[in-house]
Amino acid sequence: DSEMGIYEEKITAMIDEANINTLTVAIMEVPCCGGLLSIVKSGAEKAKRKVPIKLIVLSLKGETIRESWV
């Protein structure tokens, strides 16, 4: 879990210190990739600034299955 905390801190820093305007998360359709979105959302919740997060889900062949704002 401490490794996940490091990733969350990096997301928080990107939002607050790098002043990004949006954050896009691209994952594959397989279940194990869903954890990445959880890490990003958790890191974003800890940030002082609020930015929209876009999710792109790719098929195993690399095709875009879905795009949505979360």
PDB file of N, CA and C in Angstrom:
ATOM      1  N   ASP A   1       0.809  -1.206   0.000  1.00  0.00           N
ATOM      2  CA  ASP A   1       0.000   0.000   0.000  1.00  0.00           C
ATOM      3  C   ASP A   1       0.849   1.266   0.000  1.00  0.00           C
ATOM      4  N   SER A   2       2.053   1.200   0.567  1.00  0.00           N
ATOM      5  CA  SER A   2       2.900   2.389   0.568  1.00  0.00           C
ATOM      6  C   SER A   2       3.300   2.764  -0.851  1.00  0.00           C
ATOM      7  N   GLU A   3       3.444   1.767  -1.722  1.00  0.00           N
ATOM      8  CA  GLU A   3       3.758   2.048  -3.121  1.00  0.00           C
ATOM      9  C   GLU A   3       2.601   2.799  -3.779  1.00  0.00           C
ATOM     10  N   MET A   4       1.377   2.416  -3.464  1.00  0.00           N
ATOM     11  CA  MET A   4       0.215   3.110  -4.011  1.00  0.00           C
ATOM     12  C   MET A   4       0.172   4.548  -3.516  1.00  0.00           C
ATOM     13  N   GLY A   5       0.554   4.742  -2.247  1.00  0.00           N
ATOM     14  CA  GLY A   5       0.585   6.091  -1.681  1.00  0.00           C
ATOM     15  C   GLY A   5       1.562   6.991  -2.409  1.00  0.00           C
ATOM     16  N   ILE A   6       2.683   6.418  -2.840  1.00  0.00           N
ATOM     17  CA  ILE A   6       3.667   7.197  -3.599  1.00  0.00           C
ATOM     18  C   ILE A   6       3.069   7.653  -4.920  1.00  0.00           C
ATOM     19  N   TYR A   7       2.350   6.760  -5.588  1.00  0.00           N
ATOM     20  CA  TYR A   7       1.719   7.132  -6.861  1.00  0.00           C
ATOM     21  C   TYR A   7       0.654   8.204  -6.648  1.00  0.00           C
ATOM     22  N   GLU A   8      -0.126   8.071  -5.590  1.00  0.00           N
ATOM     23  CA  GLU A   8      -1.137   9.079  -5.283  1.00  0.00           C
ATOM     24  C   GLU A   8      -0.479  10.436  -5.044  1.00  0.00           C
ATOM     25  N   GLU A   9       0.645  10.453  -4.313  1.00  0.00           N
ATOM     26  CA  GLU A   9       1.367  11.701  -4.059  1.00  0.00           C
ATOM     27  C   GLU A   9       1.861  12.324  -5.358  1.00  0.00           C
ATOM     28  N   LYS A  10       2.314  11.502  -6.295  1.00  0.00           N
ATOM     29  CA  LYS A  10       2.789  12.011  -7.581  1.00  0.00           C
ATOM     30  C   LYS A  10       1.639  12.644  -8.362  1.00  0.00           C
ATOM     31  N   ILE A  11       0.466  12.028  -8.323  1.00  0.00           N
ATOM     32  CA  ILE A  11      -0.708  12.594  -8.998  1.00  0.00           C
ATOM     33  C   ILE A  11      -1.072  13.928  -8.363  1.00  0.00           C
ATOM     34  N   THR A  12      -1.092  13.971  -7.024  1.00  0.00           N
ATOM     35  CA  THR A  12      -1.407  15.204  -6.307  1.00  0.00           C
ATOM     36  C   THR A  12      -0.414  16.304  -6.692  1.00  0.00           C
ATOM     37  N   ALA A  13       0.861  15.972  -6.752  1.00  0.00           N
ATOM     38  CA  ALA A  13       1.895  16.943  -7.119  1.00  0.00           C
ATOM     39  C   ALA A  13       1.719  17.427  -8.551  1.00  0.00           C
ATOM     40  N   MET A  14       1.377  16.526  -9.471  1.00  0.00           N
ATOM     41  CA  MET A  14       1.159  16.945 -10.862  1.00  0.00           C
ATOM     42  C   MET A  14       0.046  17.981 -10.935  1.00  0.00           C
ATOM     43  N   ILE A  15      -1.001  17.762 -10.174  1.00  0.00           N
ATOM     44  CA  ILE A  15      -2.140  18.678 -10.216  1.00  0.00           C
ATOM     45  C   ILE A  15      -1.787  20.009  -9.551  1.00  0.00           C
ATOM     46  N   ASP A  16      -1.213  19.954  -8.354  1.00  0.00           N
ATOM     47  CA  ASP A  16      -0.961  21.178  -7.592  1.00  0.00           C
ATOM     48  C   ASP A  16       0.288  21.934  -8.020  1.00  0.00           C
ATOM     49  N   GLU A  17       1.351  21.222  -8.330  1.00  0.00           N
ATOM     50  CA  GLU A  17       2.625  21.881  -8.602  1.00  0.00           C
ATOM     51  C   GLU A  17       2.886  22.107 -10.088  1.00  0.00           C
ATOM     52  N   ALA A  18       2.461  21.180 -10.921  1.00  0.00           N
ATOM     53  CA  ALA A  18       2.690  21.324 -12.361  1.00  0.00           C
ATOM     54  C   ALA A  18       1.554  22.102 -13.022  1.00  0.00           C
ATOM     55  N   ASN A  19       0.504  22.367 -12.255  1.00  0.00           N
ATOM     56  CA  ASN A  19      -0.638  23.145 -12.743  1.00  0.00           C
ATOM     57  C   ASN A  19      -1.239  22.596 -14.040  1.00  0.00           C
ATOM     58  N   ILE A  20      -1.377  21.273 -14.108  1.00  0.00           N
ATOM     59  CA  ILE A  20      -2.026  20.684 -15.278  1.00  0.00           C
ATOM     60  C   ILE A  20      -3.503  21.089 -15.294  1.00  0.00           C
ATOM     61  N   ASN A  21      -4.101  21.106 -16.468  1.00  0.00           N
ATOM     62  CA  ASN A  21      -5.504  21.514 -16.597  1.00  0.00           C
ATOM     63  C   ASN A  21      -6.465  20.344 -16.661  1.00  0.00           C
ATOM     64  N   THR A  22      -6.006  19.218 -17.181  1.00  0.00           N
ATOM     65  CA  THR A  22      -6.807  17.994 -17.227  1.00  0.00           C
ATOM     66  C   THR A  22      -5.858  16.819 -17.035  1.00  0.00           C
ATOM     67  N   LEU A  23      -6.443  15.682 -16.713  1.00  0.00           N
ATOM     68  CA  LEU A  23      -5.655  14.462 -16.538  1.00  0.00           C
ATOM     69  C   LEU A  23      -6.367  13.355 -17.298  1.00  0.00           C
ATOM     70  N   THR A  24      -5.660  12.699 -18.193  1.00  0.00           N
ATOM     71  CA  THR A  24      -6.240  11.608 -18.966  1.00  0.00           C
ATOM     72  C   THR A  24      -5.613  10.293 -18.523  1.00  0.00           C
ATOM     73  N   VAL A  25      -6.470   9.316 -18.213  1.00  0.00           N
ATOM     74  CA  VAL A  25      -6.033   7.992 -17.811  1.00  0.00           C
ATOM     75  C   VAL A  25      -6.431   7.032 -18.922  1.00  0.00           C
ATOM     76  N   ALA A  26      -5.453   6.334 -19.489  1.00  0.00           N
ATOM     77  CA  ALA A  26      -5.722   5.342 -20.526  1.00  0.00           C
ATOM     78  C   ALA A  26      -5.440   3.963 -19.941  1.00  0.00           C
ATOM     79  N   ILE A  27      -6.447   3.114 -19.959  1.00  0.00           N
ATOM     80  CA  ILE A  27      -6.300   1.756 -19.447  1.00  0.00           C
ATOM     81  C   ILE A  27      -6.819   0.757 -20.473  1.00  0.00           C
ATOM     82  N   MET A  28      -6.412  -0.487 -20.308  1.00  0.00           N
ATOM     83  CA  MET A  28      -6.946  -1.549 -21.154  1.00  0.00           C
ATOM     84  C   MET A  28      -8.220  -2.101 -20.518  1.00  0.00           C
ATOM     85  N   GLU A  29      -8.979  -2.835 -21.276  1.00  0.00           N
ATOM     86  CA  GLU A  29     -10.265  -3.350 -20.811  1.00  0.00           C
ATOM     87  C   GLU A  29     -10.148  -4.464 -19.779  1.00  0.00           C
ATOM     88  N   VAL A  30      -8.949  -4.953 -19.505  1.00  0.00           N
ATOM     89  CA  VAL A  30      -8.772  -6.045 -18.550  1.00  0.00           C
ATOM     90  C   VAL A  30      -8.960  -5.542 -17.114  1.00  0.00           C
ATOM     91  N   PRO A  31      -9.458  -6.392 -16.228  1.00  0.00           N
ATOM     92  CA  PRO A  31      -9.799  -5.954 -14.863  1.00  0.00           C
ATOM     93  C   PRO A  31      -8.637  -5.361 -14.066  1.00  0.00           C
ATOM     94  N   CYS A  32      -7.434  -5.854 -14.261  1.00  0.00           N
ATOM     95  CA  CYS A  32      -6.314  -5.380 -13.436  1.00  0.00           C
ATOM     96  C   CYS A  32      -5.978  -3.916 -13.669  1.00  0.00           C
ATOM     97  N   CYS A  33      -6.377  -3.360 -14.791  1.00  0.00           N
ATOM     98  CA  CYS A  33      -6.052  -1.965 -15.093  1.00  0.00           C
ATOM     99  C   CYS A  33      -6.948  -0.974 -14.345  1.00  0.00           C
ATOM    100  N   GLY A  34      -8.053  -1.431 -13.819  1.00  0.00           N
ATOM    101  CA  GLY A  34      -8.973  -0.541 -13.115  1.00  0.00           C
ATOM    102  C   GLY A  34      -8.360   0.104 -11.892  1.00  0.00           C
ATOM    103  N   GLY A  35      -7.344  -0.523 -11.316  1.00  0.00           N
ATOM    104  CA  GLY A  35      -6.685   0.025 -10.141  1.00  0.00           C
ATOM    105  C   GLY A  35      -6.009   1.357 -10.422  1.00  0.00           C
ATOM    106  N   LEU A  36      -5.557   1.556 -11.651  1.00  0.00           N
ATOM    107  CA  LEU A  36      -4.903   2.808 -12.009  1.00  0.00           C
ATOM    108  C   LEU A  36      -5.859   3.985 -11.859  1.00  0.00           C
ATOM    109  N   LEU A  37      -7.089   3.803 -12.294  1.00  0.00           N
ATOM    110  CA  LEU A  37      -8.078   4.874 -12.165  1.00  0.00           C
ATOM    111  C   LEU A  37      -8.334   5.189 -10.693  1.00  0.00           C
ATOM    112  N   SER A  38      -8.371   4.184  -9.853  1.00  0.00           N
ATOM    113  CA  SER A  38      -8.570   4.398  -8.419  1.00  0.00           C
ATOM    114  C   SER A  38      -7.438   5.214  -7.816  1.00  0.00           C
ATOM    115  N   ILE A  39      -6.208   4.915  -8.219  1.00  0.00           N
ATOM    116  CA  ILE A  39      -5.050   5.654  -7.724  1.00  0.00           C
ATOM    117  C   ILE A  39      -5.141   7.119  -8.152  1.00  0.00           C
ATOM    118  N   VAL A  40      -5.483   7.344  -9.414  1.00  0.00           N
ATOM    119  CA  VAL A  40      -5.580   8.708  -9.934  1.00  0.00           C
ATOM    120  C   VAL A  40      -6.679   9.481  -9.214  1.00  0.00           C
ATOM    121  N   LYS A  41      -7.837   8.858  -9.043  1.00  0.00           N
ATOM    122  CA  LYS A  41      -8.937   9.541  -8.360  1.00  0.00           C
ATOM    123  C   LYS A  41      -8.580   9.879  -6.925  1.00  0.00           C
ATOM    124  N   SER A  42      -7.912   8.964  -6.240  1.00  0.00           N
ATOM    125  CA  SER A  42      -7.510   9.198  -4.857  1.00  0.00           C
ATOM    126  C   SER A  42      -6.494  10.338  -4.776  1.00  0.00           C
ATOM    127  N   GLY A  43      -5.514  10.334  -5.656  1.00  0.00           N
ATOM    128  CA  GLY A  43      -4.527  11.415  -5.685  1.00  0.00           C
ATOM    129  C   GLY A  43      -5.159  12.752  -6.010  1.00  0.00           C
ATOM    130  N   ALA A  44      -6.128  12.739  -6.925  1.00  0.00           N
ATOM    131  CA  ALA A  44      -6.810  13.976  -7.312  1.00  0.00           C
ATOM    132  C   ALA A  44      -7.653  14.530  -6.162  1.00  0.00           C
ATOM    133  N   GLU A  45      -8.245  13.659  -5.384  1.00  0.00           N
ATOM    134  CA  GLU A  45      -9.058  14.098  -4.245  1.00  0.00           C
ATOM    135  C   GLU A  45      -8.209  14.812  -3.194  1.00  0.00           C
ATOM    136  N   LYS A  46      -6.935  14.449  -3.088  1.00  0.00           N
ATOM    137  CA  LYS A  46      -6.041  15.052  -2.108  1.00  0.00           C
ATOM    138  C   LYS A  46      -5.449  16.379  -2.584  1.00  0.00           C
ATOM    139  N   ALA A  47      -5.599  16.672  -3.873  1.00  0.00           N
ATOM    140  CA  ALA A  47      -5.038  17.906  -4.434  1.00  0.00           C
ATOM    141  C   ALA A  47      -5.869  19.119  -4.026  1.00  0.00           C
ATOM    142  N   LYS A  48      -5.190  20.257  -3.912  1.00  0.00           N
ATOM    143  CA  LYS A  48      -5.879  21.510  -3.607  1.00  0.00           C
ATOM    144  C   LYS A  48      -6.674  21.998  -4.816  1.00  0.00           C
ATOM    145  N   ARG A  49      -6.083  21.825  -5.994  1.00  0.00           N
ATOM    146  CA  ARG A  49      -6.749  22.210  -7.237  1.00  0.00           C
ATOM    147  C   ARG A  49      -7.621  21.043  -7.706  1.00  0.00           C
ATOM    148  N   LYS A  50      -8.655  21.353  -8.410  1.00  0.00           N
ATOM    149  CA  LYS A  50      -9.525  20.317  -8.971  1.00  0.00           C
ATOM    150  C   LYS A  50      -9.414  20.371 -10.486  1.00  0.00           C
ATOM    151  N   VAL A  51      -9.127  19.226 -11.086  1.00  0.00           N
ATOM    152  CA  VAL A  51      -9.039  19.138 -12.538  1.00  0.00           C
ATOM    153  C   VAL A  51      -9.928  17.993 -13.018  1.00  0.00           C
ATOM    154  N   PRO A  52     -10.488  18.131 -14.219  1.00  0.00           N
ATOM    155  CA  PRO A  52     -11.285  17.031 -14.754  1.00  0.00           C
ATOM    156  C   PRO A  52     -10.387  15.853 -15.136  1.00  0.00           C
ATOM    157  N   ILE A  53     -10.928  14.650 -14.953  1.00  0.00           N
ATOM    158  CA  ILE A  53     -10.209  13.426 -15.288  1.00  0.00           C
ATOM    159  C   ILE A  53     -10.961  12.713 -16.406  1.00  0.00           C
ATOM    160  N   LYS A  54     -10.248  12.438 -17.473  1.00  0.00           N
ATOM    161  CA  LYS A  54     -10.836  11.726 -18.608  1.00  0.00           C
ATOM    162  C   LYS A  54     -10.317  10.293 -18.607  1.00  0.00           C
ATOM    163  N   LEU A  55     -11.225   9.346 -18.800  1.00  0.00           N
ATOM    164  CA  LEU A  55     -10.865   7.935 -18.865  1.00  0.00           C
ATOM    165  C   LEU A  55     -11.008   7.445 -20.305  1.00  0.00           C
ATOM    166  N   ILE A  56      -9.963   6.799 -20.792  1.00  0.00           N
ATOM    167  CA  ILE A  56     -10.001   6.147 -22.097  1.00  0.00           C
ATOM    168  C   ILE A  56      -9.753   4.666 -21.867  1.00  0.00           C
ATOM    169  N   VAL A  57     -10.671   3.830 -22.336  1.00  0.00           N
ATOM    170  CA  VAL A  57     -10.537   2.381 -22.197  1.00  0.00           C
ATOM    171  C   VAL A  57     -10.223   1.806 -23.573  1.00  0.00           C
ATOM    172  N   LEU A  58      -9.123   1.043 -23.641  1.00  0.00           N
ATOM    173  CA  LEU A  58      -8.679   0.449 -24.896  1.00  0.00           C
ATOM    174  C   LEU A  58      -8.924  -1.056 -24.902  1.00  0.00           C
ATOM    175  N   SER A  59      -9.224  -1.582 -26.080  1.00  0.00           N
ATOM    176  CA  SER A  59      -9.380  -3.033 -26.228  1.00  0.00           C
ATOM    177  C   SER A  59      -8.012  -3.683 -26.249  1.00  0.00           C
ATOM    178  N   LEU A  60      -7.991  -4.993 -26.226  1.00  0.00           N
ATOM    179  CA  LEU A  60      -6.724  -5.722 -26.292  1.00  0.00           C
ATOM    180  C   LEU A  60      -6.008  -5.486 -27.620  1.00  0.00           C
ATOM    181  N   LYS A  61      -6.755  -5.070 -28.627  1.00  0.00           N
ATOM    182  CA  LYS A  61      -6.167  -4.778 -29.940  1.00  0.00           C
ATOM    183  C   LYS A  61      -5.747  -3.313 -30.063  1.00  0.00           C
ATOM    184  N   GLY A  62      -5.969  -2.517 -29.008  1.00  0.00           N
ATOM    185  CA  GLY A  62      -5.552  -1.117 -29.029  1.00  0.00           C
ATOM    186  C   GLY A  62      -6.602  -0.149 -29.535  1.00  0.00           C
ATOM    187  N   GLU A  63      -7.816  -0.636 -29.755  1.00  0.00           N
ATOM    188  CA  GLU A  63      -8.890   0.243 -30.229  1.00  0.00           C
ATOM    189  C   GLU A  63      -9.569   0.905 -29.041  1.00  0.00           C
ATOM    190  N   THR A  64     -10.011   2.145 -29.226  1.00  0.00           N
ATOM    191  CA  THR A  64     -10.717   2.854 -28.161  1.00  0.00           C
ATOM    192  C   THR A  64     -12.120   2.284 -28.024  1.00  0.00           C
ATOM    193  N   ILE A  65     -12.442   1.791 -26.832  1.00  0.00           N
ATOM    194  CA  ILE A  65     -13.762   1.240 -26.553  1.00  0.00           C
ATOM    195  C   ILE A  65     -14.669   2.315 -25.984  1.00  0.00           C
ATOM    196  N   ARG A  66     -14.087   3.130 -25.098  1.00  0.00           N
ATOM    197  CA  ARG A  66     -14.915   4.127 -24.404  1.00  0.00           C
ATOM    198  C   ARG A  66     -14.048   5.303 -23.977  1.00  0.00           C
ATOM    199  N   GLU A  67     -14.646   6.494 -24.015  1.00  0.00           N
ATOM    200  CA  GLU A  67     -14.057   7.688 -23.454  1.00  0.00           C
ATOM    201  C   GLU A  67     -15.114   8.345 -22.598  1.00  0.00           C
ATOM    202  N   SER A  68     -14.732   8.731 -21.380  1.00  0.00           N
ATOM    203  CA  SER A  68     -15.704   9.403 -20.495  1.00  0.00           C
ATOM    204  C   SER A  68     -14.962  10.262 -19.484  1.00  0.00           C
ATOM    205  N   TRP A  69     -15.658  11.255 -18.974  1.00  0.00           N
ATOM    206  CA  TRP A  69     -15.126  12.091 -17.891  1.00  0.00           C
ATOM    207  C   TRP A  69     -15.584  11.476 -16.584  1.00  0.00           C
ATOM    208  N   VAL A  70     -14.663  11.351 -15.626  1.00  0.00           N
ATOM    209  CA  VAL A  70     -15.006  10.725 -14.351  1.00  0.00           C
ATOM    210  C   VAL A  70     -14.909  11.728 -13.216  1.00  0.00           C
TER     211      VAL A  70
END
